[in-house]
Amino acid sequence: MESNEILYKICQTIEKFDLLNKNRKNRVILALSGGSDSIFLLNVLIKLKEAYSIEIVPVHINHMIREDAYKEAVWLKNYVKERFGIDVLIFSAHVLFLSKKWKKGIEETGRIVRRNILNYVYKKYNADFIATGHNLEDQVETVLFRIIRGSGIKGIAAMSPKDGIIIRPLLFIKKKEILEELEKENLTFINDKSNMDTKYTRNMIRHNLLPLMEEINSNVKKHIFNLAIDISEISKYLENKVDELLNKYILIEHDKFHVYKADFLKEDRYIVSELLRNMYKRITGTNLYIERKHIHEFYVKAIKKGSYSCFFPGGIFVCKSCDVVIFSKKKSFFQDFSVSVNNTANFLLPNEMGAMEVCFRRYISEVNFQIRSFLPGDVYRGIKLKEYYLKKRIPSFFRKAIPLVAVGPNVIHNFLFDSEKKELVSEDYEVYFIFYPSELYCKIRHFLI
């Protein structure tokens, strides 16, 4: 393939996936390892500099794993300056030391270090994108790596040409094409000897597994790459579907707890799994710690039982109760409260429930009125309040949120089922209770009754 054909192919990728801004300057942080792919990408970006108004900031990270790594970093800085007239930012991180400290594998530690440094430079330089030199073979290796690791559909979809601020202009270019172009243009690159060490999983896939697969089918790389593209499209469809269903089933999205209609459990089992995974992500901000086993256990038991609760990773309390499923950062968000009143008073209720106004017009009695939450043994309308709540399908999670007017265990007024105003008149007293519910309480009451 001629040079201009490869450049055209890369431009097609840029246009199709909107990798660069068309109408303004693009400041691009380039992950420059010094290997063949990143040197080739640097050369490509320079060729497209005027067409796409690109400002390139190359960043090289010395992982300090090999003895020659420092010398290579110095060589790379000098080479890029002399050949392209661009300064390279050099960073160093002792990956072996960090790997032991963090108790992670060397490959994973290296990825974390690269991501952190590139994000730091991205923010410091107020950049638009971070460009990496991943090519077609990298995509194939990533798919196999994630299959071996046990990834789901999203993992097998592997890398996208554009993932937020990360762009991969070479994702549809073969390694062979890159090497041929480098030779034509007499471009030098670092040949990292550690890329041959099969103690690393990715190298084992590259040098052992893929050649064996190619003996079975010489087009296996192409087929795996196309599979990743297909799964990526399926993944996007499922992601949109799950987002739609989340919005359909959500009842309350508080910063400490979320409430969903339990009807989502009737969806297809895979969809339910994705919904639970995304519900966890919404309350925690990440789904890195939620595993298939957590979701499976909750799903199986929640389907079989009328009510069920457990803890997901990070101490997230998950509860199916009555007709809702609750994700909460605490097992009991709503705390017990009790306020004795025998004089006119205004006060805020705990649990973000609103305010209460109490007005005594006449009071010559020893009656001890209380504004409080639910207690075991409470009686309301002639039956146990707990039984009444069960009959009305009030989840246990919310029972303490409901303000009550009580004398001992006798609940005189329940502000969920009764009005927001209560007047009590007898020979000994005349007292008025007025409840001013908060926005949160109104949302809770809306789906409870």
Protein backbone atom coordinates (compact mmCIF):
# COMPACT_ATOMS: atom_id res chain seq x y z
CA MET A 1 0.00 0.00 0.00
CA GLU A 2 1.37 3.39 -0.98
CA SER A 3 2.03 6.07 1.65
CA ASN A 4 -0.76 8.33 0.43
CA GLU A 5 -3.23 5.40 0.58
CA ILE A 6 -2.41 4.75 4.24
CA LEU A 7 -2.67 8.45 5.03
CA TYR A 8 -6.04 8.55 3.27
CA LYS A 9 -7.17 5.53 5.29
CA ILE A 10 -6.19 7.27 8.53
CA CYS A 11 -7.99 10.45 7.46
CA GLN A 12 -11.11 8.37 6.81
CA THR A 13 -10.89 7.03 10.37
CA ILE A 14 -10.48 10.59 11.71
CA GLU A 15 -13.51 11.80 9.77
CA LYS A 16 -15.75 8.79 10.37
CA PHE A 17 -15.21 8.71 14.13
CA ASP A 18 -14.80 12.47 14.60
CA LEU A 19 -11.39 12.07 16.21
CA LEU A 20 -10.35 15.72 15.81
CA ASN A 21 -12.17 19.05 15.93
CA LYS A 22 -12.79 20.36 12.44
CA ASN A 23 -13.27 24.05 13.12
CA ARG A 24 -10.66 24.84 15.74
CA LYS A 25 -7.13 24.06 16.87
CA ASN A 26 -6.42 20.57 18.24
CA ARG A 27 -3.86 20.29 21.01
CA VAL A 28 -2.98 16.58 21.09
CA ILE A 29 -0.99 14.81 23.81
CA LEU A 30 0.85 11.98 22.04
CA ALA A 31 1.77 8.86 24.04
CA LEU A 32 5.25 8.40 22.58
CA SER A 33 6.84 5.13 23.68
CA GLY A 34 9.44 5.47 20.94
CA GLY A 35 8.36 2.18 19.39
CA SER A 36 7.36 1.75 15.76
CA ASP A 37 3.66 2.60 16.25
CA SER A 38 4.13 5.83 18.19
CA ILE A 39 6.91 7.09 15.90
CA PHE A 40 4.70 6.37 12.90
CA LEU A 41 1.77 8.19 14.54
CA LEU A 42 3.99 11.19 15.30
CA ASN A 43 4.99 11.32 11.63
CA VAL A 44 1.31 11.05 10.56
CA LEU A 45 0.17 13.83 12.90
CA ILE A 46 2.91 16.10 11.59
CA LYS A 47 1.77 15.43 8.00
CA LEU A 48 -1.81 16.27 9.00
CA LYS A 49 -0.78 19.24 11.12
CA GLU A 50 -2.04 21.94 8.77
CA ALA A 51 -5.12 20.07 7.54
CA TYR A 52 -6.43 19.59 11.09
CA SER A 53 -4.64 22.45 12.87
CA ILE A 54 -2.80 20.11 15.22
CA GLU A 55 -0.42 21.10 18.02
CA ILE A 56 1.51 18.00 19.17
CA VAL A 57 2.78 17.48 22.73
CA PRO A 58 4.74 14.19 22.79
CA VAL A 59 5.05 12.48 26.19
CA HIS A 60 7.48 9.65 26.87
CA ILE A 61 7.28 7.57 30.06
CA ASN A 62 10.34 5.68 31.25
CA HIS A 63 9.05 2.69 33.26
CA MET A 64 12.57 2.05 34.60
CA ILE A 65 12.20 -1.69 34.01
CA ARG A 66 15.20 -2.11 31.70
CA GLU A 67 18.76 -0.83 32.18
CA ASP A 68 18.77 0.83 28.76
CA ALA A 69 15.47 2.65 29.34
CA TYR A 70 17.06 5.95 30.44
CA LYS A 71 19.49 6.01 27.51
CA GLU A 72 16.61 5.29 25.14
CA ALA A 73 14.60 8.16 26.62
CA VAL A 74 17.50 10.56 26.07
CA TRP A 75 18.01 9.25 22.53
CA LEU A 76 14.31 9.63 21.75
CA LYS A 77 14.22 13.21 22.99
CA ASN A 78 17.22 14.15 20.86
CA TYR A 79 15.99 12.22 17.81
CA VAL A 80 12.52 13.79 17.78
CA LYS A 81 14.01 17.26 18.25
CA GLU A 82 16.47 16.80 15.38
CA ARG A 83 14.11 14.98 12.98
CA PHE A 84 10.83 16.79 13.68
CA GLY A 85 11.79 19.92 15.61
CA ILE A 86 9.51 19.03 18.53
CA ASP A 87 10.36 18.78 22.23
CA VAL A 88 9.42 15.56 24.07
CA LEU A 89 8.28 15.63 27.72
CA ILE A 90 10.06 12.84 29.65
CA PHE A 91 8.60 11.26 32.81
CA SER A 92 10.01 8.40 34.88
CA ALA A 93 8.18 5.96 37.16
CA HIS A 94 9.60 2.89 38.90
CA VAL A 95 6.94 0.41 37.74
CA LEU A 96 8.51 -2.64 39.42
CA PHE A 97 8.54 -0.86 42.79
CA LEU A 98 4.99 0.43 42.33
CA SER A 99 3.83 -3.02 41.26
CA LYS A 100 4.93 -4.47 44.59
CA LYS A 101 3.62 -1.50 46.55
CA TRP A 102 0.19 -1.62 44.91
CA LYS A 103 0.15 -5.43 44.81
CA LYS A 104 -0.70 -5.42 41.11
CA GLY A 105 0.83 -7.07 38.05
CA ILE A 106 3.58 -5.24 36.16
CA GLU A 107 1.41 -4.82 33.05
CA GLU A 108 -1.53 -3.42 35.01
CA THR A 109 0.76 -1.12 37.01
CA GLY A 110 2.29 0.17 33.78
CA ARG A 111 -1.16 0.96 32.40
CA ILE A 112 -2.13 2.85 35.55
CA VAL A 113 1.11 4.87 35.50
CA ARG A 114 0.69 5.76 31.82
CA ARG A 115 -2.94 6.78 32.31
CA ASN A 116 -2.15 8.97 35.33
CA ILE A 117 0.80 10.75 33.68
CA LEU A 118 -1.02 11.32 30.38
CA ASN A 119 -4.07 12.68 32.21
CA TYR A 120 -1.82 14.99 34.23
CA VAL A 121 -0.22 16.41 31.07
CA TYR A 122 -3.62 16.61 29.36
CA LYS A 123 -4.96 18.83 32.16
CA LYS A 124 -1.78 20.89 32.56
CA TYR A 125 -1.66 21.75 28.85
CA ASN A 126 -5.43 22.18 28.57
CA ALA A 127 -5.33 19.71 25.68
CA ASP A 128 -8.15 18.41 23.52
CA PHE A 129 -7.13 14.79 23.07
CA ILE A 130 -4.67 12.07 24.04
CA ALA A 131 -3.51 10.07 21.01
CA THR A 132 -2.17 6.52 21.22
CA GLY A 133 -0.59 4.38 18.50
CA HIS A 134 -2.74 1.26 18.90
CA ASN A 135 -3.02 -0.62 15.63
CA LEU A 136 -5.12 -3.50 14.26
CA GLU A 137 -2.95 -6.20 15.85
CA ASP A 138 -3.14 -4.42 19.22
CA GLN A 139 -6.92 -4.62 18.96
CA VAL A 140 -6.78 -8.36 18.24
CA GLU A 141 -4.40 -8.99 21.13
CA THR A 142 -6.60 -6.93 23.46
CA VAL A 143 -9.69 -8.97 22.53
CA LEU A 144 -7.89 -12.26 23.23
CA PHE A 145 -6.33 -10.86 26.42
CA ARG A 146 -9.76 -9.86 27.75
CA ILE A 147 -11.38 -13.15 26.77
CA ILE A 148 -8.67 -14.99 28.71
CA ARG A 149 -9.14 -12.64 31.66
CA GLY A 150 -12.89 -13.32 31.72
CA SER A 151 -14.27 -10.01 30.41
CA GLY A 152 -17.90 -9.62 29.41
CA ILE A 153 -19.32 -8.19 26.19
CA LYS A 154 -18.01 -4.67 26.83
CA GLY A 155 -14.52 -5.99 27.44
CA ILE A 156 -14.49 -8.10 24.28
CA ALA A 157 -15.60 -5.03 22.31
CA ALA A 158 -12.10 -3.85 23.23
CA MET A 159 -10.82 -0.48 22.02
CA SER A 160 -12.77 2.16 20.12
CA PRO A 161 -11.20 4.68 17.71
CA LYS A 162 -12.48 7.33 20.11
CA ASP A 163 -13.06 6.82 23.81
CA GLY A 164 -13.75 10.16 25.45
CA ILE A 165 -10.53 12.15 25.18
CA ILE A 166 -8.54 9.13 23.93
CA ILE A 167 -8.16 8.84 20.15
CA ARG A 168 -6.62 5.94 18.19
CA PRO A 169 -6.11 7.01 14.55
CA LEU A 170 -4.14 3.84 13.65
CA LEU A 171 -6.67 1.29 14.88
CA PHE A 172 -7.46 0.07 11.34
CA ILE A 173 -3.80 -0.03 10.21
CA LYS A 174 -1.82 -3.27 10.20
CA LYS A 175 1.56 -3.57 11.90
CA LYS A 176 3.09 -4.69 8.60
CA GLU A 177 1.92 -1.47 6.91
CA ILE A 178 3.42 0.62 9.71
CA LEU A 179 6.81 -1.09 9.49
CA GLU A 180 6.87 -0.72 5.72
CA GLU A 181 6.15 3.01 5.95
CA LEU A 182 8.83 3.54 8.58
CA GLU A 183 11.37 1.87 6.31
CA LYS A 184 10.31 3.95 3.29
CA GLU A 185 10.67 7.19 5.19
CA ASN A 186 13.87 6.10 6.93
CA LEU A 187 12.39 6.62 10.39
CA THR A 188 14.17 5.10 13.39
CA PHE A 189 12.40 3.67 16.43
CA ILE A 190 13.22 1.92 19.71
CA ASN A 191 13.05 -1.85 19.60
CA ASP A 192 11.96 -2.73 23.15
CA LYS A 193 13.45 -6.16 23.95
CA SER A 194 10.86 -6.70 26.69
CA ASN A 195 8.26 -7.05 23.92
CA MET A 196 9.77 -10.50 23.24
CA ASP A 197 9.51 -11.69 26.86
CA THR A 198 6.64 -14.20 26.99
CA LYS A 199 6.35 -14.00 30.77
CA TYR A 200 4.02 -11.08 29.99
CA THR A 201 0.55 -12.24 28.95
CA ARG A 202 0.25 -9.92 25.97
CA ASN A 203 3.60 -11.07 24.57
CA MET A 204 2.56 -14.70 25.02
CA ILE A 205 -0.59 -13.97 23.01
CA ARG A 206 1.42 -12.16 20.31
CA HIS A 207 4.26 -14.66 19.89
CA ASN A 208 2.65 -17.98 20.83
CA LEU A 209 -1.15 -17.96 20.72
CA LEU A 210 -1.79 -15.89 17.58
CA PRO A 211 0.73 -17.77 15.38
CA LEU A 212 -0.90 -21.04 16.47
CA MET A 213 -4.34 -19.66 15.59
CA GLU A 214 -3.04 -18.50 12.20
CA GLU A 215 -2.02 -22.09 11.45
CA ILE A 216 -5.71 -22.96 11.72
CA ASN A 217 -6.92 -19.92 9.79
CA SER A 218 -4.57 -17.41 8.19
CA ASN A 219 -7.28 -14.69 8.40
CA VAL A 220 -7.86 -15.13 12.11
CA LYS A 221 -6.65 -11.61 12.98
CA LYS A 222 -9.08 -10.05 10.53
CA HIS A 223 -11.92 -12.18 11.88
CA ILE A 224 -11.17 -11.30 15.52
CA PHE A 225 -10.91 -7.61 14.63
CA ASN A 226 -14.26 -7.70 12.81
CA LEU A 227 -15.79 -9.54 15.77
CA ALA A 228 -14.62 -6.76 18.07
CA ILE A 229 -16.25 -4.16 15.79
CA ASP A 230 -19.55 -6.10 15.72
CA ILE A 231 -19.56 -6.56 19.49
CA SER A 232 -18.77 -2.87 19.91
CA GLU A 233 -21.93 -2.00 17.97
CA ILE A 234 -23.98 -4.50 20.00
CA SER A 235 -22.49 -3.07 23.19
CA LYS A 236 -23.51 0.46 22.20
CA TYR A 237 -27.06 -0.72 21.48
CA LEU A 238 -27.28 -2.50 24.84
CA GLU A 239 -25.83 0.52 26.63
CA ASN A 240 -28.52 2.77 25.15
CA LYS A 241 -31.21 0.21 25.98
CA VAL A 242 -30.02 -0.06 29.58
CA ASP A 243 -29.95 3.74 29.95
CA GLU A 244 -33.55 3.91 28.71
CA LEU A 245 -34.64 1.25 31.19
CA LEU A 246 -32.79 2.89 34.08
CA ASN A 247 -34.71 6.11 33.43
CA LYS A 248 -37.93 4.10 33.14
CA TYR A 249 -37.55 2.29 36.45
CA ILE A 250 -35.87 4.88 38.70
CA LEU A 251 -38.07 6.46 41.37
CA ILE A 252 -35.60 8.46 43.49
CA GLU A 253 -31.96 9.42 42.87
CA HIS A 254 -30.63 10.83 46.15
CA ASP A 255 -26.90 11.28 46.78
CA LYS A 256 -27.07 8.59 49.49
CA PHE A 257 -29.63 6.18 48.06
CA HIS A 258 -31.42 5.31 44.81
CA VAL A 259 -34.81 3.63 44.48
CA TYR A 260 -36.04 1.61 41.49
CA LYS A 261 -39.29 -0.16 40.64
CA ALA A 262 -38.73 -3.87 41.27
CA ASP A 263 -40.45 -4.59 37.95
CA PHE A 264 -37.06 -4.34 36.24
CA LEU A 265 -36.34 -7.84 37.61
CA LYS A 266 -38.88 -9.16 35.06
CA GLU A 267 -36.70 -8.09 32.13
CA ASP A 268 -34.46 -10.54 30.26
CA ARG A 269 -31.85 -11.95 32.62
CA TYR A 270 -28.88 -10.41 30.80
CA ILE A 271 -30.58 -7.01 30.77
CA VAL A 272 -31.28 -7.33 34.51
CA SER A 273 -27.59 -8.05 35.09
CA GLU A 274 -26.59 -4.93 33.16
CA LEU A 275 -29.20 -2.86 34.98
CA LEU A 276 -27.86 -4.00 38.37
CA ARG A 277 -24.29 -3.28 37.24
CA ASN A 278 -25.26 0.24 36.15
CA MET A 279 -27.33 0.86 39.28
CA TYR A 280 -24.22 0.06 41.29
CA LYS A 281 -22.19 2.42 39.10
CA ARG A 282 -24.70 5.25 39.58
CA ILE A 283 -24.46 5.09 43.37
CA THR A 284 -20.67 4.52 43.57
CA GLY A 285 -19.34 6.21 40.41
CA THR A 286 -17.63 3.03 39.22
CA ASN A 287 -18.41 -0.60 38.37
CA LEU A 288 -14.84 -1.85 38.76
CA TYR A 289 -15.59 -3.75 41.98
CA ILE A 290 -18.92 -5.35 41.15
CA GLU A 291 -18.52 -8.91 39.88
CA ARG A 292 -20.75 -11.41 38.14
CA LYS A 293 -21.10 -13.48 41.34
CA HIS A 294 -22.52 -10.51 43.30
CA ILE A 295 -25.12 -9.79 40.64
CA HIS A 296 -26.03 -13.47 40.16
CA GLU A 297 -26.56 -14.08 43.88
CA PHE A 298 -28.78 -11.03 44.29
CA TYR A 299 -30.79 -11.79 41.16
CA VAL A 300 -31.49 -15.44 42.05
CA LYS A 301 -32.55 -14.67 45.62
CA ALA A 302 -34.49 -11.50 44.81
CA ILE A 303 -36.55 -13.38 42.20
CA LYS A 304 -37.39 -16.20 44.59
CA LYS A 305 -38.11 -14.15 47.71
CA GLY A 306 -40.59 -11.39 48.44
CA SER A 307 -37.85 -9.45 50.17
CA TYR A 308 -34.09 -9.85 50.19
CA SER A 309 -31.09 -7.71 51.12
CA CYS A 310 -27.31 -8.01 50.91
CA PHE A 311 -24.19 -5.89 50.60
CA PHE A 312 -22.38 -5.23 47.33
CA PRO A 313 -18.65 -4.28 47.30
CA GLY A 314 -17.85 -0.95 48.95
CA GLY A 315 -20.51 -1.47 51.64
CA ILE A 316 -23.40 -0.70 49.28
CA PHE A 317 -26.64 -1.99 50.81
CA VAL A 318 -28.99 -3.50 48.23
CA CYS A 319 -32.52 -4.35 49.25
CA LYS A 320 -35.59 -5.68 47.50
CA SER A 321 -38.58 -4.78 49.65
CA CYS A 322 -42.23 -4.76 48.63
CA ASP A 323 -42.27 -3.30 45.11
CA VAL A 324 -38.90 -1.52 45.02
CA VAL A 325 -35.16 -2.21 44.91
CA ILE A 326 -32.98 0.17 46.91
CA PHE A 327 -29.26 0.90 46.53
CA SER A 328 -27.97 2.75 49.58
CA LYS A 329 -24.60 3.83 50.96
CA LYS A 330 -25.95 2.95 54.41
CA LYS A 331 -28.12 0.08 55.58
CA SER A 332 -30.29 2.53 57.52
CA PHE A 333 -30.28 6.00 55.99
CA PHE A 334 -33.33 7.05 58.05
CA GLN A 335 -32.58 7.18 61.77
CA ASP A 336 -34.87 6.88 64.79
CA PHE A 337 -36.12 10.20 66.16
CA SER A 338 -38.45 11.29 68.97
CA VAL A 339 -39.40 14.76 70.18
CA SER A 340 -41.66 15.25 73.21
CA VAL A 341 -43.87 18.35 72.90
CA ASN A 342 -46.04 20.11 75.46
CA ASN A 343 -45.58 23.69 74.29
CA THR A 344 -45.93 25.60 71.04
CA ALA A 345 -42.83 24.97 68.96
CA ASN A 346 -41.39 24.89 65.44
CA PHE A 347 -38.57 22.51 64.60
CA LEU A 348 -36.84 20.74 61.74
CA LEU A 349 -37.32 17.01 61.43
CA PRO A 350 -34.28 14.76 61.03
CA ASN A 351 -33.63 12.61 57.96
CA GLU A 352 -34.18 15.60 55.63
CA MET A 353 -37.93 15.15 55.99
CA GLY A 354 -39.07 18.75 56.49
CA ALA A 355 -40.37 20.82 59.40
CA MET A 356 -43.08 20.55 62.05
CA GLU A 357 -45.20 23.25 63.64
CA VAL A 358 -46.93 22.50 66.96
CA CYS A 359 -49.42 24.95 68.45
CA PHE A 360 -50.98 24.48 71.89
CA ARG A 361 -54.12 26.55 72.42
CA ARG A 362 -55.05 24.84 75.69
CA TYR A 363 -53.15 22.28 77.72
CA ILE A 364 -53.96 21.21 81.29
CA SER A 365 -53.21 17.54 80.90
CA GLU A 366 -50.37 15.15 81.60
CA VAL A 367 -50.61 13.70 78.10
CA ASN A 368 -47.12 13.23 76.63
CA PHE A 369 -47.33 13.95 72.91
CA GLN A 370 -44.44 12.78 70.77
CA ILE A 371 -43.41 13.53 67.20
CA ARG A 372 -41.39 10.46 66.32
CA SER A 373 -40.53 7.65 63.94
CA PHE A 374 -41.91 4.14 63.83
CA LEU A 375 -41.23 1.80 66.76
CA PRO A 376 -41.92 -1.94 67.06
CA GLY A 377 -45.20 -2.42 68.91
CA ASP A 378 -46.85 0.75 67.55
CA VAL A 379 -50.61 0.51 67.08
CA TYR A 380 -52.43 2.45 64.36
CA ARG A 381 -56.11 2.27 63.46
CA GLY A 382 -56.57 -0.65 65.81
CA ILE A 383 -53.81 -2.91 64.41
CA LYS A 384 -50.06 -3.19 64.64
CA LEU A 385 -48.49 -0.43 62.55
CA LYS A 386 -45.96 -2.92 61.15
CA GLU A 387 -48.83 -5.04 59.80
CA TYR A 388 -50.45 -1.93 58.36
CA TYR A 389 -47.22 -1.00 56.59
CA LEU A 390 -46.90 -4.52 55.19
CA LYS A 391 -50.49 -4.40 53.96
CA LYS A 392 -49.84 -1.04 52.28
CA ARG A 393 -46.54 -2.31 50.76
CA ILE A 394 -44.35 0.24 52.57
CA PRO A 395 -40.68 -0.91 52.36
CA SER A 396 -38.98 -1.25 55.73
CA PHE A 397 -36.20 1.08 54.51
CA PHE A 398 -38.62 4.05 54.56
CA ARG A 399 -40.70 3.35 57.67
CA LYS A 400 -38.55 5.48 59.96
CA ALA A 401 -38.81 8.40 57.53
CA ILE A 402 -42.54 8.81 58.21
CA PRO A 403 -43.34 11.28 61.03
CA LEU A 404 -45.94 10.15 63.53
CA VAL A 405 -47.90 11.82 66.35
CA ALA A 406 -48.05 9.32 69.18
CA VAL A 407 -48.88 8.90 72.83
CA GLY A 408 -46.86 5.92 73.97
CA PRO A 409 -47.38 3.07 71.46
CA ASN A 410 -50.67 4.57 70.26
CA VAL A 411 -50.19 6.37 66.93
CA ILE A 412 -52.75 9.16 66.75
CA HIS A 413 -51.72 10.52 63.39
CA ASN A 414 -49.61 9.12 60.54
CA PHE A 415 -48.52 11.88 58.16
CA LEU A 416 -48.12 9.43 55.26
CA PHE A 417 -51.73 8.22 55.22
CA ASP A 418 -53.43 11.09 57.03
CA SER A 419 -53.42 14.78 56.21
CA GLU A 420 -50.51 17.16 56.76
CA LYS A 421 -52.53 18.92 59.47
CA LYS A 422 -53.95 17.38 62.64
CA GLU A 423 -56.15 19.05 65.26
CA LEU A 424 -56.58 17.31 68.63
CA VAL A 425 -59.27 18.69 70.95
CA SER A 426 -60.46 17.39 74.32
CA GLU A 427 -61.51 18.78 77.70
CA ASP A 428 -57.86 18.99 78.68
CA TYR A 429 -56.12 20.20 75.54
CA GLU A 430 -56.41 21.78 72.14
CA VAL A 431 -53.35 21.27 69.97
CA TYR A 432 -52.52 21.61 66.27
CA PHE A 433 -49.82 19.74 64.38
CA ILE A 434 -48.77 20.98 60.92
CA PHE A 435 -46.23 19.07 58.82
CA TYR A 436 -44.26 20.91 56.13
CA PRO A 437 -42.75 18.08 54.04
CA SER A 438 -39.41 18.47 52.27
CA GLU A 439 -38.94 17.86 48.57
CA LEU A 440 -37.33 14.50 49.38
CA TYR A 441 -40.29 13.43 51.53
CA CYS A 442 -42.72 14.42 48.78
CA LYS A 443 -40.82 12.23 46.31
CA ILE A 444 -40.90 9.31 48.73
CA ARG A 445 -44.61 9.77 49.49
CA HIS A 446 -45.39 9.98 45.76
CA PHE A 447 -44.36 6.39 45.05
CA LEU A 448 -45.29 4.97 48.47
CA ILE A 449 -48.96 5.86 48.15
